Amino acid sequence: MPSAVAARRGCAGDPVQGGGRSARRFVHNTVEQAINRLRQHRAVATRYDKRRYVHLGTTTAAALVIRLRS
């Protein structure tokens, strides 16, 4: 039986709807995996671009490629 604190947080077993540590771990792993996928693209990993907006565009293009392939 869950405690009163866990009941206020939401469903303790579902990592998306809350549940403390498991939800944070789920989000942390998802973000870490996304960053690692972006670093596989050479232009993003080495940051050849001098200007900030050009680097942002390169990162966005790499993210789109990753998203379309998955």
PDB file of N, CA and C in Angstrom:
ATOM      1  N   MET A   1       0.845  -1.185   0.000  1.00  0.00           N
ATOM      2  CA  MET A   1       0.000   0.000   0.000  1.00  0.00           C
ATOM      3  C   MET A   1       0.884   1.241   0.000  1.00  0.00           C
ATOM      4  N   PRO A   2       0.683   2.167  -0.936  1.00  0.00           N
ATOM      5  CA  PRO A   2       1.534   3.346  -1.014  1.00  0.00           C
ATOM      6  C   PRO A   2       1.277   4.314   0.131  1.00  0.00           C
ATOM      7  N   SER A   3       2.287   5.079   0.437  1.00  0.00           N
ATOM      8  CA  SER A   3       2.147   6.066   1.502  1.00  0.00           C
ATOM      9  C   SER A   3       1.345   7.263   1.002  1.00  0.00           C
ATOM     10  N   ALA A   4       1.037   8.170   1.918  1.00  0.00           N
ATOM     11  CA  ALA A   4       0.260   9.357   1.561  1.00  0.00           C
ATOM     12  C   ALA A   4       1.044  10.268   0.616  1.00  0.00           C
ATOM     13  N   VAL A   5       2.367  10.329   0.801  1.00  0.00           N
ATOM     14  CA  VAL A   5       3.191  11.170  -0.069  1.00  0.00           C
ATOM     15  C   VAL A   5       3.204  10.609  -1.478  1.00  0.00           C
ATOM     16  N   ALA A   6       3.339   9.299  -1.603  1.00  0.00           N
ATOM     17  CA  ALA A   6       3.345   8.671  -2.926  1.00  0.00           C
ATOM     18  C   ALA A   6       1.987   8.819  -3.600  1.00  0.00           C
ATOM     19  N   ALA A   7       0.930   8.782  -2.830  1.00  0.00           N
ATOM     20  CA  ALA A   7      -0.407   8.937  -3.400  1.00  0.00           C
ATOM     21  C   ALA A   7      -0.609  10.346  -3.946  1.00  0.00           C
ATOM     22  N   ARG A   8      -0.029  11.351  -3.285  1.00  0.00           N
ATOM     23  CA  ARG A   8      -0.144  12.724  -3.772  1.00  0.00           C
ATOM     24  C   ARG A   8       0.670  12.949  -5.036  1.00  0.00           C
ATOM     25  N   ARG A   9       1.753  12.229  -5.195  1.00  0.00           N
ATOM     26  CA  ARG A   9       2.602  12.395  -6.370  1.00  0.00           C
ATOM     27  C   ARG A   9       1.987  11.796  -7.620  1.00  0.00           C
ATOM     28  N   GLY A  10       1.130  10.873  -7.476  1.00  0.00           N
ATOM     29  CA  GLY A  10       0.541  10.205  -8.629  1.00  0.00           C
ATOM     30  C   GLY A  10       0.865   8.730  -8.588  1.00  0.00           C
ATOM     31  N   CYS A  11       0.790   8.101  -9.701  1.00  0.00           N
ATOM     32  CA  CYS A  11       1.046   6.672  -9.782  1.00  0.00           C
ATOM     33  C   CYS A  11       2.528   6.418  -9.551  1.00  0.00           C
ATOM     34  N   ALA A  12       2.861   5.679  -8.505  1.00  0.00           N
ATOM     35  CA  ALA A  12       4.255   5.467  -8.126  1.00  0.00           C
ATOM     36  C   ALA A  12       4.992   4.551  -9.085  1.00  0.00           C
ATOM     37  N   GLY A  13       4.300   3.694  -9.814  1.00  0.00           N
ATOM     38  CA  GLY A  13       4.968   2.751 -10.679  1.00  0.00           C
ATOM     39  C   GLY A  13       5.191   3.248 -12.095  1.00  0.00           C
ATOM     40  N   ASP A  14       4.506   4.270 -12.512  1.00  0.00           N
ATOM     41  CA  ASP A  14       4.598   4.754 -13.881  1.00  0.00           C
ATOM     42  C   ASP A  14       5.656   5.849 -13.968  1.00  0.00           C
ATOM     43  N   PRO A  15       6.752   5.639 -14.746  1.00  0.00           N
ATOM     44  CA  PRO A  15       7.816   6.625 -14.785  1.00  0.00           C
ATOM     45  C   PRO A  15       7.423   7.930 -15.474  1.00  0.00           C
ATOM     46  N   VAL A  16       6.366   7.920 -16.261  1.00  0.00           N
ATOM     47  CA  VAL A  16       5.970   9.129 -16.973  1.00  0.00           C
ATOM     48  C   VAL A  16       5.088  10.016 -16.106  1.00  0.00           C
ATOM     49  N   GLN A  17       4.203   9.438 -15.327  1.00  0.00           N
ATOM     50  CA  GLN A  17       3.243  10.214 -14.544  1.00  0.00           C
ATOM     51  C   GLN A  17       3.756  10.603 -13.167  1.00  0.00           C
ATOM     52  N   GLY A  18       4.940  10.315 -12.844  1.00  0.00           N
ATOM     53  CA  GLY A  18       5.462  10.650 -11.525  1.00  0.00           C
ATOM     54  C   GLY A  18       5.869   9.388 -10.819  1.00  0.00           C
ATOM     55  N   GLY A  19       6.416   9.536  -9.669  1.00  0.00           N
ATOM     56  CA  GLY A  19       6.859   8.370  -8.945  1.00  0.00           C
ATOM     57  C   GLY A  19       8.260   8.565  -8.407  1.00  0.00           C
ATOM     58  N   GLY A  20       8.710   9.786  -8.383  1.00  0.00           N
ATOM     59  CA  GLY A  20       9.958  10.101  -7.720  1.00  0.00           C
ATOM     60  C   GLY A  20      11.181   9.655  -8.478  1.00  0.00           C
ATOM     61  N   ARG A  21      11.941   8.789  -7.846  1.00  0.00           N
ATOM     62  CA  ARG A  21      13.250   8.404  -8.351  1.00  0.00           C
ATOM     63  C   ARG A  21      13.187   7.725  -9.713  1.00  0.00           C
ATOM     64  N   SER A  22      12.243   6.832  -9.936  1.00  0.00           N
ATOM     65  CA  SER A  22      12.180   6.127 -11.216  1.00  0.00           C
ATOM     66  C   SER A  22      11.840   7.091 -12.355  1.00  0.00           C
ATOM     67  N   ALA A  23      11.023   8.101 -12.090  1.00  0.00           N
ATOM     68  CA  ALA A  23      10.686   9.081 -13.119  1.00  0.00           C
ATOM     69  C   ALA A  23      11.899   9.917 -13.482  1.00  0.00           C
ATOM     70  N   ARG A  24      12.658  10.334 -12.477  1.00  0.00           N
ATOM     71  CA  ARG A  24      13.870  11.113 -12.752  1.00  0.00           C
ATOM     72  C   ARG A  24      14.889  10.293 -13.510  1.00  0.00           C
ATOM     73  N   ARG A  25      15.021   9.032 -13.152  1.00  0.00           N
ATOM     74  CA  ARG A  25      15.967   8.153 -13.825  1.00  0.00           C
ATOM     75  C   ARG A  25      15.550   7.942 -15.276  1.00  0.00           C
ATOM     76  N   PHE A  26      14.254   7.771 -15.511  1.00  0.00           N
ATOM     77  CA  PHE A  26      13.735   7.586 -16.869  1.00  0.00           C
ATOM     78  C   PHE A  26      14.035   8.808 -17.728  1.00  0.00           C
ATOM     79  N   VAL A  27      13.768  10.001 -17.203  1.00  0.00           N
ATOM     80  CA  VAL A  27      14.006  11.233 -17.949  1.00  0.00           C
ATOM     81  C   VAL A  27      15.503  11.439 -18.154  1.00  0.00           C
ATOM     82  N   HIS A  28      16.299  11.182 -17.133  1.00  0.00           N
ATOM     83  CA  HIS A  28      17.745  11.349 -17.230  1.00  0.00           C
ATOM     84  C   HIS A  28      18.319  10.440 -18.309  1.00  0.00           C
ATOM     85  N   ASN A  29      17.907   9.179 -18.336  1.00  0.00           N
ATOM     86  CA  ASN A  29      18.397   8.245 -19.341  1.00  0.00           C
ATOM     87  C   ASN A  29      17.966   8.659 -20.739  1.00  0.00           C
ATOM     88  N   THR A  30      16.757   9.141 -20.887  1.00  0.00           N
ATOM     89  CA  THR A  30      16.268   9.570 -22.195  1.00  0.00           C
ATOM     90  C   THR A  30      17.080  10.752 -22.715  1.00  0.00           C
ATOM     91  N   VAL A  31      17.330  11.724 -21.859  1.00  0.00           N
ATOM     92  CA  VAL A  31      18.106  12.905 -22.259  1.00  0.00           C
ATOM     93  C   VAL A  31      19.546  12.509 -22.577  1.00  0.00           C
ATOM     94  N   GLU A  32      20.126  11.647 -21.749  1.00  0.00           N
ATOM     95  CA  GLU A  32      21.498  11.216 -21.982  1.00  0.00           C
ATOM     96  C   GLU A  32      21.636  10.463 -23.304  1.00  0.00           C
ATOM     97  N   GLN A  33      20.676   9.615 -23.626  1.00  0.00           N
ATOM     98  CA  GLN A  33      20.708   8.892 -24.893  1.00  0.00           C
ATOM     99  C   GLN A  33      20.572   9.841 -26.078  1.00  0.00           C
ATOM    100  N   ALA A  34      19.738  10.850 -25.955  1.00  0.00           N
ATOM    101  CA  ALA A  34      19.562  11.825 -27.037  1.00  0.00           C
ATOM    102  C   ALA A  34      20.844  12.619 -27.271  1.00  0.00           C
ATOM    103  N   ILE A  35      21.505  13.031 -26.200  1.00  0.00           N
ATOM    104  CA  ILE A  35      22.758  13.773 -26.345  1.00  0.00           C
ATOM    105  C   ILE A  35      23.831  12.901 -26.966  1.00  0.00           C
ATOM    106  N   ASN A  36      23.894  11.640 -26.572  1.00  0.00           N
ATOM    107  CA  ASN A  36      24.879  10.731 -27.161  1.00  0.00           C
ATOM    108  C   ASN A  36      24.619  10.512 -28.642  1.00  0.00           C
ATOM    109  N   ARG A  37      23.364  10.453 -29.049  1.00  0.00           N
ATOM    110  CA  ARG A  37      23.056  10.319 -30.476  1.00  0.00           C
ATOM    111  C   ARG A  37      23.473  11.567 -31.244  1.00  0.00           C
ATOM    112  N   LEU A  38      23.274  12.733 -30.651  1.00  0.00           N
ATOM    113  CA  LEU A  38      23.689  13.970 -31.312  1.00  0.00           C
ATOM    114  C   LEU A  38      25.205  14.041 -31.449  1.00  0.00           C
ATOM    115  N   ARG A  39      25.914  13.535 -30.477  1.00  0.00           N
ATOM    116  CA  ARG A  39      27.379  13.590 -30.518  1.00  0.00           C
ATOM    117  C   ARG A  39      27.969  12.666 -31.576  1.00  0.00           C
ATOM    118  N   GLN A  40      27.183  11.760 -32.099  1.00  0.00           N
ATOM    119  CA  GLN A  40      27.665  10.887 -33.163  1.00  0.00           C
ATOM    120  C   GLN A  40      27.801  11.648 -34.481  1.00  0.00           C
ATOM    121  N   HIS A  41      27.148  12.776 -34.599  1.00  0.00           N
ATOM    122  CA  HIS A  41      27.271  13.604 -35.794  1.00  0.00           C
ATOM    123  C   HIS A  41      28.518  14.479 -35.643  1.00  0.00           C
ATOM    124  N   ARG A  42      29.411  14.378 -36.604  1.00  0.00           N
ATOM    125  CA  ARG A  42      30.712  15.017 -36.499  1.00  0.00           C
ATOM    126  C   ARG A  42      30.637  16.536 -36.334  1.00  0.00           C
ATOM    127  N   ALA A  43      29.791  17.186 -37.094  1.00  0.00           N
ATOM    128  CA  ALA A  43      29.709  18.651 -37.025  1.00  0.00           C
ATOM    129  C   ALA A  43      29.184  19.122 -35.675  1.00  0.00           C
ATOM    130  N   VAL A  44      28.324  18.347 -35.055  1.00  0.00           N
ATOM    131  CA  VAL A  44      27.796  18.727 -33.745  1.00  0.00           C
ATOM    132  C   VAL A  44      28.834  18.440 -32.662  1.00  0.00           C
ATOM    133  N   ALA A  45      29.522  17.308 -32.781  1.00  0.00           N
ATOM    134  CA  ALA A  45      30.478  16.903 -31.753  1.00  0.00           C
ATOM    135  C   ALA A  45      31.696  17.823 -31.701  1.00  0.00           C
ATOM    136  N   THR A  46      32.163  18.283 -32.863  1.00  0.00           N
ATOM    137  CA  THR A  46      33.378  19.096 -32.892  1.00  0.00           C
ATOM    138  C   THR A  46      33.092  20.586 -32.871  1.00  0.00           C
ATOM    139  N   ARG A  47      31.896  20.977 -33.208  1.00  0.00           N
ATOM    140  CA  ARG A  47      31.466  22.371 -33.264  1.00  0.00           C
ATOM    141  C   ARG A  47      32.407  23.221 -34.113  1.00  0.00           C
ATOM    142  N   TYR A  48      32.337  22.970 -35.401  1.00  0.00           N
ATOM    143  CA  TYR A  48      33.121  23.754 -36.349  1.00  0.00           C
ATOM    144  C   TYR A  48      32.552  25.159 -36.538  1.00  0.00           C
ATOM    145  N   ASP A  49      31.289  25.335 -36.283  1.00  0.00           N
ATOM    146  CA  ASP A  49      30.616  26.606 -36.560  1.00  0.00           C
ATOM    147  C   ASP A  49      31.071  27.680 -35.582  1.00  0.00           C
ATOM    148  N   LYS A  50      31.344  28.862 -36.118  1.00  0.00           N
ATOM    149  CA  LYS A  50      31.767  29.967 -35.264  1.00  0.00           C
ATOM    150  C   LYS A  50      30.581  30.674 -34.622  1.00  0.00           C
ATOM    151  N   ARG A  51      29.507  30.764 -35.355  1.00  0.00           N
ATOM    152  CA  ARG A  51      28.358  31.515 -34.866  1.00  0.00           C
ATOM    153  C   ARG A  51      27.359  30.597 -34.159  1.00  0.00           C
ATOM    154  N   ARG A  52      26.727  31.160 -33.159  1.00  0.00           N
ATOM    155  CA  ARG A  52      25.794  30.393 -32.333  1.00  0.00           C
ATOM    156  C   ARG A  52      24.588  29.910 -33.122  1.00  0.00           C
ATOM    157  N   TYR A  53      24.015  30.775 -33.956  1.00  0.00           N
ATOM    158  CA  TYR A  53      22.808  30.395 -34.696  1.00  0.00           C
ATOM    159  C   TYR A  53      23.111  29.342 -35.758  1.00  0.00           C
ATOM    160  N   VAL A  54      24.325  29.320 -36.284  1.00  0.00           N
ATOM    161  CA  VAL A  54      24.689  28.285 -37.253  1.00  0.00           C
ATOM    162  C   VAL A  54      24.820  26.938 -36.546  1.00  0.00           C
ATOM    163  N   HIS A  55      25.426  26.951 -35.351  1.00  0.00           N
ATOM    164  CA  HIS A  55      25.536  25.711 -34.570  1.00  0.00           C
ATOM    165  C   HIS A  55      24.156  25.203 -34.169  1.00  0.00           C
ATOM    166  N   LEU A  56      23.257  26.105 -33.826  1.00  0.00           N
ATOM    167  CA  LEU A  56      21.896  25.710 -33.481  1.00  0.00           C
ATOM    168  C   LEU A  56      21.207  25.055 -34.678  1.00  0.00           C
ATOM    169  N   GLY A  57      21.409  25.611 -35.863  1.00  0.00           N
ATOM    170  CA  GLY A  57      20.839  25.018 -37.063  1.00  0.00           C
ATOM    171  C   GLY A  57      21.419  23.646 -37.358  1.00  0.00           C
ATOM    172  N   THR A  58      22.723  23.479 -37.161  1.00  0.00           N
ATOM    173  CA  THR A  58      23.367  22.182 -37.368  1.00  0.00           C
ATOM    174  C   THR A  58      22.828  21.157 -36.387  1.00  0.00           C
ATOM    175  N   THR A  59      22.669  21.560 -35.136  1.00  0.00           N
ATOM    176  CA  THR A  59      22.132  20.661 -34.115  1.00  0.00           C
ATOM    177  C   THR A  59      20.685  20.295 -34.427  1.00  0.00           C
ATOM    178  N   THR A  60      19.908  21.253 -34.880  1.00  0.00           N
ATOM    179  CA  THR A  60      18.512  20.991 -35.237  1.00  0.00           C
ATOM    180  C   THR A  60      18.416  20.033 -36.411  1.00  0.00           C
ATOM    181  N   ALA A  61      19.273  20.229 -37.410  1.00  0.00           N
ATOM    182  CA  ALA A  61      19.277  19.321 -38.565  1.00  0.00           C
ATOM    183  C   ALA A  61      19.664  17.907 -38.152  1.00  0.00           C
ATOM    184  N   ALA A  62      20.643  17.781 -37.272  1.00  0.00           N
ATOM    185  CA  ALA A  62      21.046  16.453 -36.790  1.00  0.00           C
ATOM    186  C   ALA A  62      19.916  15.808 -35.991  1.00  0.00           C
ATOM    187  N   ALA A  63      19.211  16.598 -35.183  1.00  0.00           N
ATOM    188  CA  ALA A  63      18.097  16.069 -34.408  1.00  0.00           C
ATOM    189  C   ALA A  63      16.961  15.604 -35.318  1.00  0.00           C
ATOM    190  N   LEU A  64      16.718  16.341 -36.392  1.00  0.00           N
ATOM    191  CA  LEU A  64      15.690  15.931 -37.359  1.00  0.00           C
ATOM    192  C   LEU A  64      16.055  14.621 -38.041  1.00  0.00           C
ATOM    193  N   VAL A  65      17.311  14.477 -38.402  1.00  0.00           N
ATOM    194  CA  VAL A  65      17.756  13.227 -39.028  1.00  0.00           C
ATOM    195  C   VAL A  65      17.568  12.062 -38.069  1.00  0.00           C
ATOM    196  N   ILE A  66      17.936  12.262 -36.816  1.00  0.00           N
ATOM    197  CA  ILE A  66      17.769  11.202 -35.807  1.00  0.00           C
ATOM    198  C   ILE A  66      16.292  10.865 -35.645  1.00  0.00           C
ATOM    199  N   ARG A  67      15.454  11.883 -35.563  1.00  0.00           N
ATOM    200  CA  ARG A  67      14.017  11.674 -35.361  1.00  0.00           C
ATOM    201  C   ARG A  67      13.375  10.962 -36.550  1.00  0.00           C
ATOM    202  N   LEU A  68      13.778  11.332 -37.766  1.00  0.00           N
ATOM    203  CA  LEU A  68      13.185  10.717 -38.957  1.00  0.00           C
ATOM    204  C   LEU A  68      13.642   9.281 -39.142  1.00  0.00           C
ATOM    205  N   ARG A  69      14.836   8.960 -38.689  1.00  0.00           N
ATOM    206  CA  ARG A  69      15.340   7.589 -38.824  1.00  0.00           C
ATOM    207  C   ARG A  69      14.743   6.649 -37.777  1.00  0.00           C
ATOM    208  N   SER A  70      14.291   7.183 -36.669  1.00  0.00           N
ATOM    209  CA  SER A  70      13.765   6.295 -35.616  1.00  0.00           C
ATOM    210  C   SER A  70      12.273   6.085 -35.737  1.00  0.00           C
TER     211      SER A  70
END
